[in-house]
């Protein structure tokens, strides 16, 4: 557990209960149980009037390690990175297709403008 307030203001050191559920596959009940058991510190927060619990990321990771084992967390991180890589590859492939089409259009335009000059040379 952290005694200082600094962890609450460090970028990336905290996450919301919603992010913990999404990123680590925890349920709201598991989060509440861990808070009651003293395994997770929390702070009440809200964004645009919507309340949420702010949790310490390292404590959530420790809870997940304890509950599901260390391999679970490693698998989640690998799957997340794989999904991001796949998404980026898909975006880049679409960009390549678009650029290839534009290249073909430009070459066709060059051919149109070059054709009249070819007749004059011959």
PDB file of N, CA and C in Angstrom:
ATOM      1  N   UNK A   1       0.834  -1.183   0.000  1.00  0.00           N
ATOM      2  CA  UNK A   1       0.000   0.000   0.000  1.00  0.00           C
ATOM      3  C   UNK A   1       0.879   1.247   0.000  1.00  0.00           C
ATOM      4  N   UNK A   2       0.386   2.283  -0.598  1.00  0.00           N
ATOM      5  CA  UNK A   2       1.112   3.537  -0.686  1.00  0.00           C
ATOM      6  C   UNK A   2       0.620   4.479   0.401  1.00  0.00           C
ATOM      7  N   UNK A   3       1.556   5.094   1.102  1.00  0.00           N
ATOM      8  CA  UNK A   3       1.157   6.018   2.152  1.00  0.00           C
ATOM      9  C   UNK A   3       1.135   7.452   1.642  1.00  0.00           C
ATOM     10  N   UNK A   4       1.977   7.771   0.653  1.00  0.00           N
ATOM     11  CA  UNK A   4       2.046   9.126   0.128  1.00  0.00           C
ATOM     12  C   UNK A   4       0.941   9.419  -0.867  1.00  0.00           C
ATOM     13  N   UNK A   5       0.674  10.686  -1.036  1.00  0.00           N
ATOM     14  CA  UNK A   5      -0.358  11.106  -1.981  1.00  0.00           C
ATOM     15  C   UNK A   5       0.194  11.186  -3.401  1.00  0.00           C
ATOM     16  N   UNK A   6       1.511  11.075  -3.570  1.00  0.00           N
ATOM     17  CA  UNK A   6       2.124  11.267  -4.873  1.00  0.00           C
ATOM     18  C   UNK A   6       1.631  10.268  -5.921  1.00  0.00           C
ATOM     19  N   UNK A   7       1.337   9.049  -5.522  1.00  0.00           N
ATOM     20  CA  UNK A   7       0.890   8.044  -6.484  1.00  0.00           C
ATOM     21  C   UNK A   7      -0.417   8.477  -7.161  1.00  0.00           C
ATOM     22  N   UNK A   8      -1.221   9.234  -6.466  1.00  0.00           N
ATOM     23  CA  UNK A   8      -2.514   9.662  -6.997  1.00  0.00           C
ATOM     24  C   UNK A   8      -2.367  10.720  -8.089  1.00  0.00           C
ATOM     25  N   UNK A   9      -1.242  11.387  -8.117  1.00  0.00           N
ATOM     26  CA  UNK A   9      -1.054  12.445  -9.113  1.00  0.00           C
ATOM     27  C   UNK A   9      -0.088  12.051 -10.226  1.00  0.00           C
ATOM     28  N   UNK A  10       0.545  10.887 -10.113  1.00  0.00           N
ATOM     29  CA  UNK A  10       1.479  10.444 -11.155  1.00  0.00           C
ATOM     30  C   UNK A  10       0.718   9.932 -12.372  1.00  0.00           C
ATOM     31  N   UNK A  11       1.165  10.356 -13.547  1.00  0.00           N
ATOM     32  CA  UNK A  11       0.531   9.932 -14.788  1.00  0.00           C
ATOM     33  C   UNK A  11       0.691   8.422 -14.970  1.00  0.00           C
ATOM     34  N   UNK A  12      -0.397   7.737 -15.208  1.00  0.00           N
ATOM     35  CA  UNK A  12      -0.375   6.299 -15.450  1.00  0.00           C
ATOM     36  C   UNK A  12      -0.343   5.441 -14.199  1.00  0.00           C
ATOM     37  N   UNK A  13      -0.226   6.044 -13.039  1.00  0.00           N
ATOM     38  CA  UNK A  13      -0.131   5.273 -11.801  1.00  0.00           C
ATOM     39  C   UNK A  13      -1.496   4.863 -11.264  1.00  0.00           C
ATOM     40  N   UNK A  14      -2.543   5.480 -11.791  1.00  0.00           N
ATOM     41  CA  UNK A  14      -3.901   5.152 -11.350  1.00  0.00           C
ATOM     42  C   UNK A  14      -4.766   4.814 -12.556  1.00  0.00           C
ATOM     43  N   UNK A  15      -5.903   4.221 -12.277  1.00  0.00           N
ATOM     44  CA  UNK A  15      -6.882   3.934 -13.314  1.00  0.00           C
ATOM     45  C   UNK A  15      -8.259   3.888 -12.672  1.00  0.00           C
ATOM     46  N   UNK A  16      -9.277   4.019 -13.491  1.00  0.00           N
ATOM     47  CA  UNK A  16     -10.641   3.975 -12.967  1.00  0.00           C
ATOM     48  C   UNK A  16     -11.080   2.529 -12.782  1.00  0.00           C
ATOM     49  N   UNK A  17     -12.151   2.354 -12.016  1.00  0.00           N
ATOM     50  CA  UNK A  17     -12.683   1.002 -11.844  1.00  0.00           C
ATOM     51  C   UNK A  17     -13.150   0.441 -13.185  1.00  0.00           C
ATOM     52  N   UNK A  18     -13.684   1.293 -14.043  1.00  0.00           N
ATOM     53  CA  UNK A  18     -14.134   0.842 -15.370  1.00  0.00           C
ATOM     54  C   UNK A  18     -12.949   0.356 -16.210  1.00  0.00           C
ATOM     55  N   UNK A  19     -11.847   1.099 -16.179  1.00  0.00           N
ATOM     56  CA  UNK A  19     -10.647   0.686 -16.905  1.00  0.00           C
ATOM     57  C   UNK A  19     -10.084  -0.615 -16.341  1.00  0.00           C
ATOM     58  N   UNK A  20     -10.131  -0.781 -15.023  1.00  0.00           N
ATOM     59  CA  UNK A  20      -9.643  -2.016 -14.397  1.00  0.00           C
ATOM     60  C   UNK A  20     -10.479  -3.211 -14.856  1.00  0.00           C
ATOM     61  N   UNK A  21     -11.791  -3.001 -14.963  1.00  0.00           N
ATOM     62  CA  UNK A  21     -12.662  -4.084 -15.438  1.00  0.00           C
ATOM     63  C   UNK A  21     -12.337  -4.438 -16.885  1.00  0.00           C
ATOM     64  N   UNK A  22     -12.162  -3.419 -17.719  1.00  0.00           N
ATOM     65  CA  UNK A  22     -11.913  -3.644 -19.146  1.00  0.00           C
ATOM     66  C   UNK A  22     -10.517  -4.221 -19.392  1.00  0.00           C
ATOM     67  N   UNK A  23      -9.519  -3.600 -18.784  1.00  0.00           N
ATOM     68  CA  UNK A  23      -8.129  -3.972 -19.051  1.00  0.00           C
ATOM     69  C   UNK A  23      -7.723  -5.294 -18.414  1.00  0.00           C
ATOM     70  N   UNK A  24      -8.228  -5.571 -17.208  1.00  0.00           N
ATOM     71  CA  UNK A  24      -7.781  -6.746 -16.477  1.00  0.00           C
ATOM     72  C   UNK A  24      -8.844  -7.826 -16.326  1.00  0.00           C
ATOM     73  N   UNK A  25     -10.043  -7.563 -16.817  1.00  0.00           N
ATOM     74  CA  UNK A  25     -11.100  -8.565 -16.751  1.00  0.00           C
ATOM     75  C   UNK A  25     -11.687  -8.769 -15.367  1.00  0.00           C
ATOM     76  N   UNK A  26     -11.526  -7.795 -14.502  1.00  0.00           N
ATOM     77  CA  UNK A  26     -12.107  -7.885 -13.163  1.00  0.00           C
ATOM     78  C   UNK A  26     -13.585  -7.506 -13.209  1.00  0.00           C
ATOM     79  N   UNK A  27     -14.327  -7.985 -12.235  1.00  0.00           N
ATOM     80  CA  UNK A  27     -15.725  -7.566 -12.099  1.00  0.00           C
ATOM     81  C   UNK A  27     -15.792  -6.462 -11.053  1.00  0.00           C
ATOM     82  N   UNK A  28     -16.884  -5.727 -11.050  1.00  0.00           N
ATOM     83  CA  UNK A  28     -17.064  -4.671 -10.049  1.00  0.00           C
ATOM     84  C   UNK A  28     -17.089  -5.287  -8.645  1.00  0.00           C
ATOM     85  N   UNK A  29     -17.686  -6.476  -8.531  1.00  0.00           N
ATOM     86  CA  UNK A  29     -17.750  -7.158  -7.237  1.00  0.00           C
ATOM     87  C   UNK A  29     -16.359  -7.508  -6.727  1.00  0.00           C
ATOM     88  N   UNK A  30     -15.473  -7.978  -7.620  1.00  0.00           N
ATOM     89  CA  UNK A  30     -14.102  -8.309  -7.218  1.00  0.00           C
ATOM     90  C   UNK A  30     -13.365  -7.057  -6.742  1.00  0.00           C
ATOM     91  N   UNK A  31     -13.598  -5.950  -7.410  1.00  0.00           N
ATOM     92  CA  UNK A  31     -12.953  -4.696  -7.015  1.00  0.00           C
ATOM     93  C   UNK A  31     -13.437  -4.267  -5.631  1.00  0.00           C
ATOM     94  N   UNK A  32     -14.744  -4.312  -5.405  1.00  0.00           N
ATOM     95  CA  UNK A  32     -15.324  -3.924  -4.114  1.00  0.00           C
ATOM     96  C   UNK A  32     -14.815  -4.847  -3.005  1.00  0.00           C
ATOM     97  N   UNK A  33     -14.775  -6.161  -3.266  1.00  0.00           N
ATOM     98  CA  UNK A  33     -14.259  -7.108  -2.271  1.00  0.00           C
ATOM     99  C   UNK A  33     -12.809  -6.794  -1.909  1.00  0.00           C
ATOM    100  N   UNK A  34     -11.987  -6.477  -2.918  1.00  0.00           N
ATOM    101  CA  UNK A  34     -10.573  -6.174  -2.676  1.00  0.00           C
ATOM    102  C   UNK A  34     -10.428  -4.881  -1.877  1.00  0.00           C
ATOM    103  N   UNK A  35     -11.308  -3.916  -2.132  1.00  0.00           N
ATOM    104  CA  UNK A  35     -11.279  -2.669  -1.355  1.00  0.00           C
ATOM    105  C   UNK A  35     -11.621  -2.968   0.100  1.00  0.00           C
ATOM    106  N   UNK A  36     -12.685  -3.759   0.295  1.00  0.00           N
ATOM    107  CA  UNK A  36     -13.100  -4.113   1.662  1.00  0.00           C
ATOM    108  C   UNK A  36     -12.025  -4.915   2.385  1.00  0.00           C
ATOM    109  N   UNK A  37     -11.278  -5.749   1.641  1.00  0.00           N
ATOM    110  CA  UNK A  37     -10.219  -6.562   2.240  1.00  0.00           C
ATOM    111  C   UNK A  37      -8.936  -5.758   2.456  1.00  0.00           C
ATOM    112  N   UNK A  38      -8.921  -4.505   2.003  1.00  0.00           N
ATOM    113  CA  UNK A  38      -7.745  -3.670   2.184  1.00  0.00           C
ATOM    114  C   UNK A  38      -6.652  -3.904   1.157  1.00  0.00           C
ATOM    115  N   UNK A  39      -6.977  -4.588   0.067  1.00  0.00           N
ATOM    116  CA  UNK A  39      -5.978  -4.868  -0.968  1.00  0.00           C
ATOM    117  C   UNK A  39      -5.880  -3.742  -1.989  1.00  0.00           C
ATOM    118  N   UNK A  40      -6.923  -2.940  -2.082  1.00  0.00           N
ATOM    119  CA  UNK A  40      -6.928  -1.820  -3.024  1.00  0.00           C
ATOM    120  C   UNK A  40      -7.279  -0.525  -2.304  1.00  0.00           C
ATOM    121  N   UNK A  41      -6.483   0.504  -2.558  1.00  0.00           N
ATOM    122  CA  UNK A  41      -6.841   1.840  -2.122  1.00  0.00           C
ATOM    123  C   UNK A  41      -7.694   2.462  -3.218  1.00  0.00           C
ATOM    124  N   UNK A  42      -8.550   3.380  -2.826  1.00  0.00           N
ATOM    125  CA  UNK A  42      -9.381   4.034  -3.835  1.00  0.00           C
ATOM    126  C   UNK A  42      -9.681   5.459  -3.412  1.00  0.00           C
ATOM    127  N   UNK A  43     -10.097   6.219  -4.372  1.00  0.00           N
ATOM    128  CA  UNK A  43     -10.593   7.571  -4.122  1.00  0.00           C
ATOM    129  C   UNK A  43     -11.834   7.756  -4.978  1.00  0.00           C
ATOM    130  N   UNK A  44     -12.803   8.460  -4.416  1.00  0.00           N
ATOM    131  CA  UNK A  44     -13.990   8.800  -5.200  1.00  0.00           C
ATOM    132  C   UNK A  44     -13.625   9.953  -6.122  1.00  0.00           C
ATOM    133  N   UNK A  45     -14.057   9.862  -7.364  1.00  0.00           N
ATOM    134  CA  UNK A  45     -13.789  10.907  -8.336  1.00  0.00           C
ATOM    135  C   UNK A  45     -14.984  11.017  -9.258  1.00  0.00           C
ATOM    136  N   UNK A  46     -15.049  12.062 -10.054  1.00  0.00           N
ATOM    137  CA  UNK A  46     -16.109  12.138 -11.056  1.00  0.00           C
ATOM    138  C   UNK A  46     -15.653  12.979 -12.235  1.00  0.00           C
ATOM    139  N   UNK A  47     -16.199  12.647 -13.386  1.00  0.00           N
ATOM    140  CA  UNK A  47     -15.934  13.362 -14.621  1.00  0.00           C
ATOM    141  C   UNK A  47     -17.275  13.755 -15.203  1.00  0.00           C
ATOM    142  N   UNK A  48     -17.478  15.040 -15.397  1.00  0.00           N
ATOM    143  CA  UNK A  48     -18.735  15.560 -15.936  1.00  0.00           C
ATOM    144  C   UNK A  48     -19.935  15.021 -15.163  1.00  0.00           C
ATOM    145  N   UNK A  49     -19.785  14.921 -13.861  1.00  0.00           N
ATOM    146  CA  UNK A  49     -20.882  14.482 -13.004  1.00  0.00           C
ATOM    147  C   UNK A  49     -21.049  12.976 -12.907  1.00  0.00           C
ATOM    148  N   UNK A  50     -20.196  12.218 -13.589  1.00  0.00           N
ATOM    149  CA  UNK A  50     -20.271  10.753 -13.544  1.00  0.00           C
ATOM    150  C   UNK A  50     -19.256  10.226 -12.527  1.00  0.00           C
ATOM    151  N   UNK A  51     -19.734   9.611 -11.445  1.00  0.00           N
ATOM    152  CA  UNK A  51     -18.809   9.130 -10.406  1.00  0.00           C
ATOM    153  C   UNK A  51     -18.083   7.847 -10.814  1.00  0.00           C
ATOM    154  N   UNK A  52     -16.872   7.715 -10.316  1.00  0.00           N
ATOM    155  CA  UNK A  52     -16.111   6.476 -10.509  1.00  0.00           C
ATOM    156  C   UNK A  52     -15.104   6.341  -9.383  1.00  0.00           C
ATOM    157  N   UNK A  53     -14.534   5.140  -9.266  1.00  0.00           N
ATOM    158  CA  UNK A  53     -13.494   4.887  -8.271  1.00  0.00           C
ATOM    159  C   UNK A  53     -12.136   4.983  -8.948  1.00  0.00           C
ATOM    160  N   UNK A  54     -11.237   5.705  -8.345  1.00  0.00           N
ATOM    161  CA  UNK A  54      -9.866   5.828  -8.838  1.00  0.00           C
ATOM    162  C   UNK A  54      -9.018   4.843  -8.045  1.00  0.00           C
ATOM    163  N   UNK A  55      -8.325   3.949  -8.744  1.00  0.00           N
ATOM    164  CA  UNK A  55      -7.548   2.877  -8.108  1.00  0.00           C
ATOM    165  C   UNK A  55      -6.069   3.017  -8.449  1.00  0.00           C
ATOM    166  N   UNK A  56      -5.217   2.435  -7.614  1.00  0.00           N
ATOM    167  CA  UNK A  56      -3.770   2.422  -7.860  1.00  0.00           C
ATOM    168  C   UNK A  56      -3.467   1.241  -8.785  1.00  0.00           C
ATOM    169  N   UNK A  57      -2.892   1.543  -9.953  1.00  0.00           N
ATOM    170  CA  UNK A  57      -2.637   0.524 -10.978  1.00  0.00           C
ATOM    171  C   UNK A  57      -1.798  -0.644 -10.448  1.00  0.00           C
ATOM    172  N   UNK A  58      -0.716  -0.364  -9.739  1.00  0.00           N
ATOM    173  CA  UNK A  58       0.163  -1.442  -9.260  1.00  0.00           C
ATOM    174  C   UNK A  58      -0.579  -2.372  -8.298  1.00  0.00           C
ATOM    175  N   UNK A  59      -1.508  -1.824  -7.516  1.00  0.00           N
ATOM    176  CA  UNK A  59      -2.291  -2.657  -6.605  1.00  0.00           C
ATOM    177  C   UNK A  59      -3.277  -3.531  -7.384  1.00  0.00           C
ATOM    178  N   UNK A  60      -3.850  -2.977  -8.440  1.00  0.00           N
ATOM    179  CA  UNK A  60      -4.770  -3.759  -9.280  1.00  0.00           C
ATOM    180  C   UNK A  60      -3.994  -4.894  -9.950  1.00  0.00           C
ATOM    181  N   UNK A  61      -2.788  -4.588 -10.459  1.00  0.00           N
ATOM    182  CA  UNK A  61      -1.963  -5.626 -11.085  1.00  0.00           C
ATOM    183  C   UNK A  61      -1.599  -6.716 -10.078  1.00  0.00           C
ATOM    184  N   UNK A  62      -1.279  -6.333  -8.849  1.00  0.00           N
ATOM    185  CA  UNK A  62      -0.948  -7.313  -7.802  1.00  0.00           C
ATOM    186  C   UNK A  62      -2.166  -8.177  -7.483  1.00  0.00           C
ATOM    187  N   UNK A  63      -3.344  -7.567  -7.455  1.00  0.00           N
ATOM    188  CA  UNK A  63      -4.574  -8.312  -7.206  1.00  0.00           C
ATOM    189  C   UNK A  63      -4.816  -9.341  -8.310  1.00  0.00           C
ATOM    190  N   UNK A  64      -4.618  -8.931  -9.550  1.00  0.00           N
ATOM    191  CA  UNK A  64      -4.817  -9.830 -10.691  1.00  0.00           C
ATOM    192  C   UNK A  64      -3.802 -10.967 -10.647  1.00  0.00           C
ATOM    193  N   UNK A  65      -2.543 -10.641 -10.322  1.00  0.00           N
ATOM    194  CA  UNK A  65      -1.511 -11.686 -10.181  1.00  0.00           C
ATOM    195  C   UNK A  65      -1.914 -12.701  -9.120  1.00  0.00           C
ATOM    196  N   UNK A  66      -2.385 -12.214  -7.987  1.00  0.00           N
ATOM    197  CA  UNK A  66      -2.782 -13.080  -6.875  1.00  0.00           C
ATOM    198  C   UNK A  66      -3.985 -13.937  -7.259  1.00  0.00           C
ATOM    199  N   UNK A  67      -4.933 -13.335  -7.933  1.00  0.00           N
ATOM    200  CA  UNK A  67      -6.193 -14.008  -8.241  1.00  0.00           C
ATOM    201  C   UNK A  67      -6.086 -14.998  -9.405  1.00  0.00           C
ATOM    202  N   UNK A  68      -5.375 -14.591 -10.468  1.00  0.00           N
ATOM    203  CA  UNK A  68      -5.339 -15.393 -11.694  1.00  0.00           C
ATOM    204  C   UNK A  68      -3.956 -15.923 -12.061  1.00  0.00           C
ATOM    205  N   UNK A  69      -2.938 -15.512 -11.334  1.00  0.00           N
ATOM    206  CA  UNK A  69      -1.578 -15.946 -11.642  1.00  0.00           C
ATOM    207  C   UNK A  69      -0.867 -14.948 -12.539  1.00  0.00           C
ATOM    208  N   UNK A  70       0.442 -14.976 -12.503  1.00  0.00           N
ATOM    209  CA  UNK A  70       1.271 -14.024 -13.237  1.00  0.00           C
ATOM    210  C   UNK A  70       1.114 -14.174 -14.747  1.00  0.00           C
ATOM    211  N   UNK A  71       0.900 -15.386 -15.236  1.00  0.00           N
ATOM    212  CA  UNK A  71       0.765 -15.606 -16.675  1.00  0.00           C
ATOM    213  C   UNK A  71      -0.469 -14.924 -17.241  1.00  0.00           C
ATOM    214  N   UNK A  72      -1.515 -14.804 -16.462  1.00  0.00           N
ATOM    215  CA  UNK A  72      -2.747 -14.159 -16.908  1.00  0.00           C
ATOM    216  C   UNK A  72      -2.478 -12.715 -17.321  1.00  0.00           C
ATOM    217  N   UNK A  73      -1.756 -11.998 -16.471  1.00  0.00           N
ATOM    218  CA  UNK A  73      -1.450 -10.597 -16.743  1.00  0.00           C
ATOM    219  C   UNK A  73      -0.545 -10.472 -17.973  1.00  0.00           C
ATOM    220  N   UNK A  74       0.432 -11.358 -18.081  1.00  0.00           N
ATOM    221  CA  UNK A  74       1.324 -11.346 -19.244  1.00  0.00           C
ATOM    222  C   UNK A  74       0.538 -11.620 -20.525  1.00  0.00           C
ATOM    223  N   UNK A  75      -0.384 -12.595 -20.473  1.00  0.00           N
ATOM    224  CA  UNK A  75      -1.216 -12.911 -21.638  1.00  0.00           C
ATOM    225  C   UNK A  75      -2.078 -11.727 -22.036  1.00  0.00           C
ATOM    226  N   UNK A  76      -2.674 -11.052 -21.045  1.00  0.00           N
ATOM    227  CA  UNK A  76      -3.519  -9.891 -21.331  1.00  0.00           C
ATOM    228  C   UNK A  76      -2.716  -8.801 -22.028  1.00  0.00           C
ATOM    229  N   UNK A  77      -1.497  -8.545 -21.544  1.00  0.00           N
ATOM    230  CA  UNK A  77      -0.651  -7.514 -22.139  1.00  0.00           C
ATOM    231  C   UNK A  77      -0.254  -7.888 -23.565  1.00  0.00           C
ATOM    232  N   UNK A  78       0.083  -9.150 -23.780  1.00  0.00           N
ATOM    233  CA  UNK A  78       0.466  -9.616 -25.115  1.00  0.00           C
ATOM    234  C   UNK A  78      -0.724  -9.510 -26.063  1.00  0.00           C
ATOM    235  N   UNK A  79      -1.908  -9.937 -25.608  1.00  0.00           N
ATOM    236  CA  UNK A  79      -3.102  -9.852 -26.447  1.00  0.00           C
ATOM    237  C   UNK A  79      -3.443  -8.411 -26.798  1.00  0.00           C
ATOM    238  N   UNK A  80      -3.269  -7.511 -25.846  1.00  0.00           N
ATOM    239  CA  UNK A  80      -3.548  -6.095 -26.094  1.00  0.00           C
ATOM    240  C   UNK A  80      -2.581  -5.547 -27.143  1.00  0.00           C
ATOM    241  N   UNK A  81      -1.290  -5.857 -26.991  1.00  0.00           N
ATOM    242  CA  UNK A  81      -0.301  -5.381 -27.952  1.00  0.00           C
ATOM    243  C   UNK A  81      -0.535  -6.001 -29.326  1.00  0.00           C
ATOM    244  N   UNK A  82      -0.918  -7.274 -29.360  1.00  0.00           N
ATOM    245  CA  UNK A  82      -1.219  -7.939 -30.622  1.00  0.00           C
ATOM    246  C   UNK A  82      -2.396  -7.265 -31.333  1.00  0.00           C
ATOM    247  N   UNK A  83      -3.429  -6.925 -30.582  1.00  0.00           N
ATOM    248  CA  UNK A  83      -4.590  -6.246 -31.160  1.00  0.00           C
ATOM    249  C   UNK A  83      -4.202  -4.878 -31.717  1.00  0.00           C
ATOM    250  N   UNK A  84      -3.359  -4.146 -30.983  1.00  0.00           N
ATOM    251  CA  UNK A  84      -2.902  -2.832 -31.452  1.00  0.00           C
ATOM    252  C   UNK A  84      -2.064  -2.965 -32.725  1.00  0.00           C
ATOM    253  N   UNK A  85      -1.197  -3.980 -32.753  1.00  0.00           N
ATOM    254  CA  UNK A  85      -0.352  -4.214 -33.924  1.00  0.00           C
ATOM    255  C   UNK A  85      -1.193  -4.588 -35.130  1.00  0.00           C
ATOM    256  N   UNK A  86      -2.171  -5.458 -34.926  1.00  0.00           N
ATOM    257  CA  UNK A  86      -3.063  -5.865 -36.009  1.00  0.00           C
ATOM    258  C   UNK A  86      -3.836  -4.670 -36.551  1.00  0.00           C
ATOM    259  N   UNK A  87      -4.316  -3.839 -35.663  1.00  0.00           N
ATOM    260  CA  UNK A  87      -5.058  -2.636 -36.062  1.00  0.00           C
ATOM    261  C   UNK A  87      -4.172  -1.704 -36.886  1.00  0.00           C
ATOM    262  N   UNK A  88      -2.942  -1.504 -36.436  1.00  0.00           N
ATOM    263  CA  UNK A  88      -2.004  -0.629 -37.149  1.00  0.00           C
ATOM    264  C   UNK A  88      -1.659  -1.211 -38.519  1.00  0.00           C
ATOM    265  N   UNK A  89      -1.453  -2.524 -38.599  1.00  0.00           N
ATOM    266  CA  UNK A  89      -1.185  -3.172 -39.886  1.00  0.00           C
ATOM    267  C   UNK A  89      -2.347  -2.991 -40.857  1.00  0.00           C
ATOM    268  N   UNK A  90      -3.555  -3.141 -40.356  1.00  0.00           N
ATOM    269  CA  UNK A  90      -4.751  -2.964 -41.196  1.00  0.00           C
ATOM    270  C   UNK A  90      -4.809  -1.537 -41.727  1.00  0.00           C
ATOM    271  N   UNK A  91      -4.512  -0.559 -40.849  1.00  0.00           N
ATOM    272  CA  UNK A  91      -4.523   0.843 -41.262  1.00  0.00           C
ATOM    273  C   UNK A  91      -3.460   1.099 -42.333  1.00  0.00           C
ATOM    274  N   UNK A  92      -2.261   0.548 -42.121  1.00  0.00           N
ATOM    275  CA  UNK A  92      -1.174   0.749 -43.077  1.00  0.00           C
ATOM    276  C   UNK A  92      -1.463   0.068 -44.416  1.00  0.00           C
ATOM    277  N   UNK A  93      -2.072  -1.118 -44.383  1.00  0.00           N
ATOM    278  CA  UNK A  93      -2.431  -1.809 -45.636  1.00  0.00           C
ATOM    279  C   UNK A  93      -3.443  -0.995 -46.428  1.00  0.00           C
ATOM    280  N   UNK A  94      -4.414  -0.418 -45.739  1.00  0.00           N
ATOM    281  CA  UNK A  94      -5.401   0.434 -46.410  1.00  0.00           C
ATOM    282  C   UNK A  94      -4.721   1.658 -47.010  1.00  0.00           C
ATOM    283  N   UNK A  95      -3.750   2.201 -46.296  1.00  0.00           N
ATOM    284  CA  UNK A  95      -3.017   3.358 -46.795  1.00  0.00           C
ATOM    285  C   UNK A  95      -2.207   2.981 -48.036  1.00  0.00           C
ATOM    286  N   UNK A  96      -1.596   1.801 -48.041  1.00  0.00           N
ATOM    287  CA  UNK A  96      -0.831   1.333 -49.196  1.00  0.00           C
ATOM    288  C   UNK A  96      -1.753   1.189 -50.407  1.00  0.00           C
ATOM    289  N   UNK A  97      -2.930   0.606 -50.217  1.00  0.00           N
ATOM    290  CA  UNK A  97      -3.889   0.448 -51.314  1.00  0.00           C
ATOM    291  C   UNK A  97      -4.266   1.814 -51.879  1.00  0.00           C
ATOM    292  N   UNK A  98      -4.538   2.751 -50.991  1.00  0.00           N
ATOM    293  CA  UNK A  98      -4.907   4.104 -51.414  1.00  0.00           C
ATOM    294  C   UNK A  98      -3.773   4.768 -52.199  1.00  0.00           C
ATOM    295  N   UNK A  99      -2.556   4.616 -51.716  1.00  0.00           N
ATOM    296  CA  UNK A  99      -1.403   5.201 -52.407  1.00  0.00           C
ATOM    297  C   UNK A  99      -1.149   4.531 -53.759  1.00  0.00           C
ATOM    298  N   UNK A 100      -1.337   3.231 -53.837  1.00  0.00           N
ATOM    299  CA  UNK A 100      -1.174   2.518 -55.107  1.00  0.00           C
ATOM    300  C   UNK A 100      -2.203   3.004 -56.142  1.00  0.00           C
ATOM    301  N   UNK A 101      -3.439   3.229 -55.679  1.00  0.00           N
ATOM    302  CA  UNK A 101      -4.474   3.749 -56.579  1.00  0.00           C
ATOM    303  C   UNK A 101      -4.096   5.142 -57.075  1.00  0.00           C
ATOM    304  N   UNK A 102      -3.627   5.979 -56.173  1.00  0.00           N
ATOM    305  CA  UNK A 102      -3.229   7.337 -56.556  1.00  0.00           C
ATOM    306  C   UNK A 102      -2.063   7.302 -57.531  1.00  0.00           C
ATOM    307  N   UNK A 103      -1.127   6.406 -57.306  1.00  0.00           N
ATOM    308  CA  UNK A 103       0.015   6.248 -58.202  1.00  0.00           C
ATOM    309  C   UNK A 103      -0.459   5.873 -59.606  1.00  0.00           C
ATOM    310  N   UNK A 104      -1.396   4.933 -59.681  1.00  0.00           N
ATOM    311  CA  UNK A 104      -1.937   4.512 -60.969  1.00  0.00           C
ATOM    312  C   UNK A 104      -2.631   5.682 -61.675  1.00  0.00           C
ATOM    313  N   UNK A 105      -3.384   6.480 -60.911  1.00  0.00           N
ATOM    314  CA  UNK A 105      -4.050   7.656 -61.488  1.00  0.00           C
ATOM    315  C   UNK A 105      -3.032   8.652 -62.039  1.00  0.00           C
ATOM    316  N   UNK A 106      -1.974   8.888 -61.276  1.00  0.00           N
ATOM    317  CA  UNK A 106      -0.947   9.832 -61.716  1.00  0.00           C
ATOM    318  C   UNK A 106      -0.214   9.330 -62.953  1.00  0.00           C
ATOM    319  N   UNK A 107       0.091   8.037 -63.001  1.00  0.00           N
ATOM    320  CA  UNK A 107       0.743   7.460 -64.183  1.00  0.00           C
ATOM    321  C   UNK A 107      -0.161   7.557 -65.404  1.00  0.00           C
ATOM    322  N   UNK A 108      -1.455   7.309 -65.204  1.00  0.00           N
ATOM    323  CA  UNK A 108      -2.410   7.428 -66.308  1.00  0.00           C
ATOM    324  C   UNK A 108      -2.464   8.871 -66.807  1.00  0.00           C
ATOM    325  N   UNK A 109      -2.437   9.819 -65.887  1.00  0.00           N
ATOM    326  CA  UNK A 109      -2.439  11.233 -66.268  1.00  0.00           C
ATOM    327  C   UNK A 109      -1.180  11.581 -67.046  1.00  0.00           C
ATOM    328  N   UNK A 110      -0.051  11.061 -66.634  1.00  0.00           N
ATOM    329  CA  UNK A 110       1.203  11.302 -67.347  1.00  0.00           C
ATOM    330  C   UNK A 110       1.108  10.761 -68.768  1.00  0.00           C
ATOM    331  N   UNK A 111       0.547   9.567 -68.913  1.00  0.00           N
ATOM    332  CA  UNK A 111       0.406   8.948 -70.234  1.00  0.00           C
ATOM    333  C   UNK A 111      -0.482   9.798 -71.138  1.00  0.00           C
ATOM    334  N   UNK A 112      -1.561  10.369 -70.579  1.00  0.00           N
ATOM    335  CA  UNK A 112      -2.464  11.213 -71.362  1.00  0.00           C
ATOM    336  C   UNK A 112      -1.733  12.440 -71.891  1.00  0.00           C
ATOM    337  N   UNK A 113      -0.930  13.070 -71.052  1.00  0.00           N
ATOM    338  CA  UNK A 113      -0.241  14.285 -71.450  1.00  0.00           C
ATOM    339  C   UNK A 113       0.988  13.995 -72.337  1.00  0.00           C
ATOM    340  N   UNK A 114       1.545  12.816 -72.190  1.00  0.00           N
ATOM    341  CA  UNK A 114       2.729  12.453 -72.977  1.00  0.00           C
ATOM    342  C   UNK A 114       2.348  11.999 -74.379  1.00  0.00           C
ATOM    343  N   UNK A 115       1.136  11.475 -74.580  1.00  0.00           N
ATOM    344  CA  UNK A 115       0.731  10.917 -75.881  1.00  0.00           C
ATOM    345  C   UNK A 115       0.799  11.933 -77.016  1.00  0.00           C
ATOM    346  N   UNK A 116       0.317  13.169 -76.887  1.00  0.00           N
ATOM    347  CA  UNK A 116       0.415  14.107 -78.007  1.00  0.00           C
ATOM    348  C   UNK A 116       1.856  14.422 -78.423  1.00  0.00           C
ATOM    349  N   UNK A 117       2.752  14.447 -77.453  1.00  0.00           N
ATOM    350  CA  UNK A 117       4.134  14.762 -77.762  1.00  0.00           C
ATOM    351  C   UNK A 117       4.856  13.609 -78.479  1.00  0.00           C
ATOM    352  N   UNK A 118       4.397  12.404 -78.232  1.00  0.00           N
ATOM    353  CA  UNK A 118       4.984  11.241 -78.881  1.00  0.00           C
ATOM    354  C   UNK A 118       4.722  11.283 -80.376  1.00  0.00           C
ATOM    355  N   UNK A 119       3.546  11.759 -80.796  1.00  0.00           N
ATOM    356  CA  UNK A 119       3.205  11.826 -82.226  1.00  0.00           C
ATOM    357  C   UNK A 119       4.057  12.840 -82.951  1.00  0.00           C
ATOM    358  N   UNK A 120       4.460  13.905 -82.307  1.00  0.00           N
ATOM    359  CA  UNK A 120       5.257  14.957 -82.936  1.00  0.00           C
ATOM    360  C   UNK A 120       6.680  14.499 -83.185  1.00  0.00           C
ATOM    361  N   UNK A 121       7.166  13.643 -82.337  1.00  0.00           N
ATOM    362  CA  UNK A 121       8.566  13.201 -82.461  1.00  0.00           C
ATOM    363  C   UNK A 121       8.716  12.236 -83.621  1.00  0.00           C
ATOM    364  N   UNK A 122       7.734  11.473 -83.931  1.00  0.00           N
ATOM    365  CA  UNK A 122       7.847  10.412 -84.920  1.00  0.00           C
ATOM    366  C   UNK A 122       7.640  10.819 -86.312  1.00  0.00           C
TER     367      UNK A 122
END
